């Protein structure tokens, strides 16, 4: 089985996102992440730095944003994420 075939078999629920983020994804109707999402999300949740490259429309923004949203502690009223573009 190729790496891409393994990536395509993953579901969002397998990536370790918070229950709140997973619920939002379910409500929107997404179940399978794109390859960039399937590869980047677990690495970012583990605290690793990631540089990703993929075509327009492949879900790069969600690949980086979903792990950030998962790690935000709403009880802390201070900046917790900094995004530089």
Protein backbone atom coordinates (compact mmCIF):
# COMPACT_ATOMS: atom_id res chain seq x y z
CA UNK A 1 0.00 0.00 0.00
CA UNK A 2 1.42 3.39 -0.98
CA UNK A 3 1.75 6.33 1.41
CA UNK A 4 -0.96 8.21 -0.49
CA UNK A 5 -3.35 5.23 -0.18
CA UNK A 6 -2.73 5.12 3.58
CA UNK A 7 -3.35 8.87 3.83
CA UNK A 8 -6.59 8.65 1.86
CA UNK A 9 -7.94 6.00 4.23
CA UNK A 10 -7.62 8.25 7.28
CA UNK A 11 -10.67 10.01 8.63
CA UNK A 12 -10.77 13.30 10.51
CA UNK A 13 -11.87 11.38 13.61
CA UNK A 14 -8.56 9.46 13.49
CA UNK A 15 -6.37 12.59 13.62
CA UNK A 16 -6.73 13.47 17.32
CA UNK A 17 -8.57 16.78 17.07
CA UNK A 18 -10.52 18.01 20.08
CA UNK A 19 -14.12 16.80 20.45
CA UNK A 20 -15.41 20.33 19.82
CA UNK A 21 -13.46 20.70 16.58
CA UNK A 22 -14.41 17.18 15.50
CA UNK A 23 -18.08 17.96 16.13
CA UNK A 24 -17.85 21.07 13.94
CA UNK A 25 -16.18 19.05 11.18
CA UNK A 26 -18.92 16.41 11.45
CA UNK A 27 -21.65 19.05 11.31
CA UNK A 28 -20.15 20.55 8.17
CA UNK A 29 -20.16 17.08 6.63
CA UNK A 30 -16.46 16.41 6.15
CA UNK A 31 -15.14 12.97 7.00
CA UNK A 32 -11.95 12.40 4.97
CA UNK A 33 -9.04 14.83 5.20
CA UNK A 34 -7.05 15.80 2.14
CA UNK A 35 -3.51 14.40 1.93
CA UNK A 36 -1.96 17.63 3.26
CA UNK A 37 -4.42 17.62 6.18
CA UNK A 38 -3.86 13.94 6.98
CA UNK A 39 -0.10 14.45 7.07
CA UNK A 40 0.11 17.87 8.77
CA UNK A 41 -2.57 17.70 11.48
CA UNK A 42 -1.01 14.89 13.57
CA UNK A 43 2.43 16.49 13.34
CA UNK A 44 1.13 19.89 14.43
CA UNK A 45 -0.89 18.37 17.27
CA UNK A 46 2.33 16.72 18.45
CA UNK A 47 3.97 20.15 18.59
CA UNK A 48 6.24 19.67 15.58
CA UNK A 49 7.07 22.38 13.07
CA UNK A 50 5.63 21.72 9.64
CA UNK A 51 6.30 23.15 6.21
CA UNK A 52 3.69 21.99 3.74
CA UNK A 53 3.22 22.55 0.04
CA UNK A 54 0.08 21.68 -1.88
CA UNK A 55 -2.02 23.09 -4.68
CA UNK A 56 -4.64 25.77 -4.15
CA UNK A 57 -7.89 24.36 -2.79
CA UNK A 58 -6.41 21.33 -1.06
CA UNK A 59 -7.14 22.43 2.51
CA UNK A 60 -3.82 23.85 3.66
CA UNK A 61 -5.49 26.53 5.79
CA UNK A 62 -7.54 23.93 7.65
CA UNK A 63 -4.47 21.71 7.96
CA UNK A 64 -2.75 24.42 9.98
CA UNK A 65 -5.77 26.05 11.66
CA UNK A 66 -7.56 23.00 13.06
CA UNK A 67 -4.64 21.91 15.29
CA UNK A 68 -4.21 25.51 16.48
CA UNK A 69 -7.88 25.74 17.40
CA UNK A 70 -7.66 22.37 19.16
CA UNK A 71 -4.83 23.63 21.38
CA UNK A 72 -6.45 26.94 22.43
CA UNK A 73 -7.46 27.05 26.10
CA UNK A 74 -10.56 29.25 26.28
CA UNK A 75 -10.07 29.68 30.04
CA UNK A 76 -6.91 31.69 29.40
CA UNK A 77 -7.56 35.27 28.38
CA UNK A 78 -4.24 35.85 26.65
CA UNK A 79 -2.81 35.39 23.16
CA UNK A 80 -2.08 31.73 22.52
CA UNK A 81 -1.51 31.65 18.77
CA UNK A 82 0.53 33.82 16.44
CA UNK A 83 0.14 33.41 12.70
CA UNK A 84 2.66 35.01 10.37
CA UNK A 85 2.01 35.00 6.66
